[in-house]
């Protein structure tokens, strides 16, 4: 079974590590086969990481992506190469992701600690069967505080109602957290992963999440400050697009 961490952040948005640092950590400190760089509102980090990983012949593959802010919460766009407009409805965001032949995964579902899709929104989309208006996966293995607190409830509701493919991702903003949540799939490549998600044949797993003392309280504080300024930085650089 392959392993993929589908939720990683770099300094392109609110992570503390550079793209190079993330790639080096994955290469030498994990057994991941695939990673997805999902910086907020910005596919640049994923595209740079994909290019750099190929050029350096790393043993793993990179999926370009982004964590998109919709009007109803965050949504991971995977296998995309162009920015997806922010602050639109979930339905419009799903259409834009699927127009690029990308996949849409719900991160940290139901969480009240960060912008997350609610039970009502998941129910509403689940009742629709229009082409492109659907989720491709549900992040049920996110070991961060945002993902862990509502994990059991999301797992139960997914069995009872939504029946979406399970995924895993660390939601790492510090390198120490990379690989603590992952998606299992048949194969070892990004294309294998995409096929497994499309077929609904994926799973999610978590391992021990390093606590704040191990990461460093100073680095945690820096990360929070960096994260709070991520959106203003995007706006100032003209990267934040709503249309």
Protein backbone atom coordinates (compact mmCIF):
# COMPACT_ATOMS: atom_id res chain seq x y z
CA UNK A 1 0.00 0.00 0.00
CA UNK A 2 1.21 3.48 -0.86
CA UNK A 3 1.24 6.37 1.60
CA UNK A 4 0.35 9.98 0.79
CA UNK A 5 0.22 13.03 3.03
CA UNK A 6 -2.35 15.17 1.24
CA UNK A 7 -2.33 18.28 3.43
CA UNK A 8 0.96 20.20 3.80
CA UNK A 9 1.72 23.91 4.13
CA UNK A 10 4.89 25.86 3.33
CA UNK A 11 6.03 29.45 3.77
CA UNK A 12 4.19 30.27 0.55
CA UNK A 13 1.18 30.58 2.89
CA UNK A 14 1.17 29.89 6.64
CA UNK A 15 3.71 27.09 7.07
CA UNK A 16 7.08 27.85 8.67
CA UNK A 17 9.22 25.61 6.44
CA UNK A 18 10.40 26.48 2.96
CA UNK A 19 9.53 24.27 0.02
CA UNK A 20 13.08 22.91 0.03
CA UNK A 21 12.93 22.09 3.74
CA UNK A 22 9.64 20.24 3.33
CA UNK A 23 10.99 18.17 0.43
CA UNK A 24 14.21 17.31 2.26
CA UNK A 25 12.27 16.20 5.33
CA UNK A 26 9.96 13.99 3.28
CA UNK A 27 12.91 12.45 1.42
CA UNK A 28 15.05 11.64 4.44
CA UNK A 29 12.67 11.39 7.41
CA UNK A 30 9.51 9.71 6.09
CA UNK A 31 8.39 6.72 4.02
CA UNK A 32 5.79 8.70 2.08
CA UNK A 33 5.31 7.90 -1.60
CA UNK A 34 3.27 11.01 -2.48
CA UNK A 35 2.71 14.41 -0.89
CA UNK A 36 0.37 17.26 -1.73
CA UNK A 37 1.41 20.86 -1.09
CA UNK A 38 -1.81 22.70 -0.23
CA UNK A 39 -0.92 26.28 0.63
CA UNK A 40 -3.84 28.60 1.28
CA UNK A 41 -5.36 30.04 -1.90
CA UNK A 42 -2.12 29.49 -3.83
CA UNK A 43 -0.98 26.62 -6.06
CA UNK A 44 2.47 28.18 -6.54
CA UNK A 45 4.10 26.18 -3.76
CA UNK A 46 2.81 22.89 -5.10
CA UNK A 47 3.98 23.60 -8.63
CA UNK A 48 7.43 24.66 -7.43
CA UNK A 49 7.71 21.60 -5.22
CA UNK A 50 6.64 19.29 -8.04
CA UNK A 51 9.26 20.76 -10.36
CA UNK A 52 12.01 20.67 -7.74
CA UNK A 53 11.26 17.12 -6.65
CA UNK A 54 11.42 15.91 -10.26
CA UNK A 55 14.63 17.82 -10.95
CA UNK A 56 16.33 16.36 -7.87
CA UNK A 57 14.98 12.86 -8.59
CA UNK A 58 13.45 12.45 -5.15
CA UNK A 59 11.95 9.01 -4.50
CA UNK A 60 8.42 10.46 -3.91
CA UNK A 61 6.02 12.45 -6.10
CA UNK A 62 4.38 15.82 -5.46
CA UNK A 63 0.77 16.68 -6.20
CA UNK A 64 0.15 20.42 -6.66
CA UNK A 65 -2.83 21.74 -4.76
CA UNK A 66 -4.24 24.47 -2.55
CA UNK A 67 -6.50 24.90 0.46
CA UNK A 68 -9.31 27.09 -0.79
CA UNK A 69 -11.44 29.30 1.45
CA UNK A 70 -15.05 28.97 0.36
CA UNK A 71 -17.94 30.88 1.89
CA UNK A 72 -18.75 27.73 3.86
CA UNK A 73 -15.28 26.62 4.95
CA UNK A 74 -12.02 25.23 3.63
CA UNK A 75 -11.71 22.79 0.74
CA UNK A 76 -8.59 21.04 -0.55
CA UNK A 77 -8.06 21.24 -4.30
CA UNK A 78 -5.70 18.49 -5.47
CA UNK A 79 -4.15 17.90 -8.91
CA UNK A 80 -4.74 21.50 -9.97
CA UNK A 81 -2.31 23.82 -11.75
CA UNK A 82 -4.21 27.12 -11.61
CA UNK A 83 -5.46 29.07 -8.62
CA UNK A 84 -9.09 28.49 -7.71
CA UNK A 85 -11.07 31.63 -6.80
CA UNK A 86 -11.68 32.15 -3.09
CA UNK A 87 -14.78 33.14 -1.12
CA UNK A 88 -17.22 31.53 -3.51
CA UNK A 89 -19.88 28.98 -2.64
CA UNK A 90 -18.83 25.38 -2.15
CA UNK A 91 -20.75 24.46 -5.29
CA UNK A 92 -18.92 27.03 -7.43
CA UNK A 93 -15.58 26.00 -5.95
CA UNK A 94 -16.22 22.34 -6.70
CA UNK A 95 -17.02 23.23 -10.29
CA UNK A 96 -13.78 25.19 -10.66
CA UNK A 97 -11.72 22.33 -9.21
CA UNK A 98 -13.31 19.71 -11.43
CA UNK A 99 -12.95 21.93 -14.51
CA UNK A 100 -9.19 21.40 -14.07
CA UNK A 101 -9.68 17.63 -13.68
CA UNK A 102 -8.76 18.13 -10.04
CA UNK A 103 -10.11 16.41 -6.97
CA UNK A 104 -11.83 18.07 -4.00
CA UNK A 105 -11.26 16.78 -0.47
CA UNK A 106 -12.94 18.14 2.67
CA UNK A 107 -10.26 18.92 5.30
CA UNK A 108 -10.86 18.74 9.08
CA UNK A 109 -14.63 18.30 8.60
CA UNK A 110 -16.98 19.76 11.23
CA UNK A 111 -14.13 21.39 13.19
CA UNK A 112 -14.87 24.56 15.13
CA UNK A 113 -11.16 25.41 15.55
CA UNK A 114 -10.69 26.53 11.96
CA UNK A 115 -12.83 27.29 8.91
CA UNK A 116 -14.46 23.94 8.18
CA UNK A 117 -17.43 22.60 6.27
CA UNK A 118 -20.40 21.90 8.51
CA UNK A 119 -22.64 18.87 8.74
CA UNK A 120 -25.39 20.86 7.01
CA UNK A 121 -23.14 21.74 4.05
CA UNK A 122 -21.93 18.16 3.69
CA UNK A 123 -25.52 16.94 3.78
CA UNK A 124 -26.58 19.49 1.16
CA UNK A 125 -23.85 18.58 -1.30
CA UNK A 126 -24.36 14.89 -0.62
CA UNK A 127 -27.97 15.16 -1.73
CA UNK A 128 -27.00 16.58 -5.14
CA UNK A 129 -26.03 14.47 -8.11
CA UNK A 130 -25.23 17.15 -10.68
CA UNK A 131 -22.03 16.62 -12.65
CA UNK A 132 -19.11 18.18 -10.82
CA UNK A 133 -21.08 19.08 -7.68
CA UNK A 134 -19.62 16.45 -5.43
CA UNK A 135 -16.76 15.87 -3.03
CA UNK A 136 -14.04 13.35 -3.93
CA UNK A 137 -12.85 12.59 -0.42
CA UNK A 138 -13.23 13.34 3.27
CA UNK A 139 -10.18 13.92 5.48
CA UNK A 140 -10.86 11.51 8.35
CA UNK A 141 -7.23 11.16 9.49
CA UNK A 142 -5.99 14.61 10.46
CA UNK A 143 -4.03 14.41 13.75
CA UNK A 144 -3.87 18.18 14.29
CA UNK A 145 -6.05 19.72 17.03
CA UNK A 146 -8.40 20.99 14.32
CA UNK A 147 -8.95 17.54 12.88
CA UNK A 148 -8.72 15.26 15.89
CA UNK A 149 -11.52 16.67 18.03
CA UNK A 150 -14.28 15.96 15.52
CA UNK A 151 -12.78 12.87 13.91
CA UNK A 152 -15.05 10.24 15.50
CA UNK A 153 -18.21 12.18 14.68
CA UNK A 154 -17.11 12.71 11.08
CA UNK A 155 -16.28 9.01 10.75
CA UNK A 156 -19.70 8.02 12.06
CA UNK A 157 -21.59 10.44 9.82
CA UNK A 158 -19.58 9.34 6.81
CA UNK A 159 -20.63 5.74 7.38
CA UNK A 160 -24.26 6.72 7.99
CA UNK A 161 -24.74 9.35 5.26
CA UNK A 162 -21.96 10.62 3.05
CA UNK A 163 -19.98 7.48 2.15
CA UNK A 164 -17.04 9.47 0.81
CA UNK A 165 -13.55 7.98 0.32
CA UNK A 166 -11.47 8.50 3.45
CA UNK A 167 -8.20 10.40 3.21
CA UNK A 168 -5.46 11.38 5.61
CA UNK A 169 -3.22 14.42 5.85
CA UNK A 170 -1.11 15.92 8.59
CA UNK A 171 -2.14 19.55 8.02
CA UNK A 172 1.52 20.20 8.84
CA UNK A 173 2.70 23.76 9.35
CA UNK A 174 5.97 22.55 10.94
CA UNK A 175 8.21 19.83 9.50
CA UNK A 176 7.92 17.74 12.68
CA UNK A 177 4.26 17.11 11.88
CA UNK A 178 4.77 15.93 8.29
CA UNK A 179 3.63 12.34 7.77
CA UNK A 180 1.63 12.05 11.01
CA UNK A 181 -1.54 11.72 8.93
CA UNK A 182 -1.64 9.90 5.62
CA UNK A 183 -3.81 8.33 2.93
CA UNK A 184 -3.39 4.67 2.06
CA UNK A 185 -3.91 3.52 -1.52
CA UNK A 186 -3.01 0.71 -3.90
CA UNK A 187 0.17 1.58 -5.76
CA UNK A 188 2.92 4.11 -5.17
CA UNK A 189 2.52 6.98 -7.65
CA UNK A 190 0.44 10.13 -7.87
CA UNK A 191 -1.56 8.60 -10.73
CA UNK A 192 -2.23 5.50 -8.62
CA UNK A 193 -3.46 7.77 -5.84
CA UNK A 194 -5.76 9.69 -8.18
CA UNK A 195 -7.22 6.47 -9.54
CA UNK A 196 -7.76 5.09 -6.03
CA UNK A 197 -9.58 8.27 -4.94
CA UNK A 198 -11.76 8.21 -8.04
CA UNK A 199 -12.63 4.57 -7.32
CA UNK A 200 -13.21 5.18 -3.61
CA UNK A 201 -10.42 2.80 -2.60
CA UNK A 202 -8.48 4.85 -0.07
CA UNK A 203 -8.10 4.93 3.69
CA UNK A 204 -6.76 7.30 6.30
CA UNK A 205 -4.31 6.67 9.14
CA UNK A 206 -2.68 8.76 11.85
CA UNK A 207 0.32 8.37 14.13
CA UNK A 208 1.59 10.25 17.16
CA UNK A 209 1.42 14.04 16.71
CA UNK A 210 4.46 15.81 18.24
CA UNK A 211 3.31 18.18 20.99
CA UNK A 212 4.15 21.85 21.29
CA UNK A 213 7.18 21.33 23.53
CA UNK A 214 8.80 19.11 20.90
CA UNK A 215 8.16 21.57 18.10
CA UNK A 216 9.16 24.50 20.31
CA UNK A 217 6.84 27.02 21.89
CA UNK A 218 8.63 29.85 20.13
CA UNK A 219 8.12 28.21 16.76
CA UNK A 220 4.48 27.55 17.57
CA UNK A 221 4.00 31.25 18.41
CA UNK A 222 5.80 32.28 15.22
CA UNK A 223 3.62 29.93 13.22
CA UNK A 224 0.42 31.39 14.66
CA UNK A 225 1.55 34.93 13.92
CA UNK A 226 2.62 33.95 10.41
CA UNK A 227 -0.69 32.21 9.84
CA UNK A 228 -2.79 35.17 10.96
CA UNK A 229 -1.05 37.39 8.41
CA UNK A 230 -1.30 34.92 5.52
CA UNK A 231 -4.46 36.40 4.04
CA UNK A 232 -3.31 40.06 4.22
CA UNK A 233 -0.04 39.06 2.55
CA UNK A 234 -1.95 37.43 -0.29
CA UNK A 235 -4.09 40.51 -0.74
CA UNK A 236 -1.10 42.84 -0.81
CA UNK A 237 0.64 40.70 -3.42
CA UNK A 238 -2.48 40.49 -5.54
CA UNK A 239 -2.70 36.71 -5.20
CA UNK A 240 -6.08 36.71 -3.44
CA UNK A 241 -8.69 36.39 -6.13
CA UNK A 242 -12.42 36.24 -5.69
CA UNK A 243 -13.47 36.22 -9.31
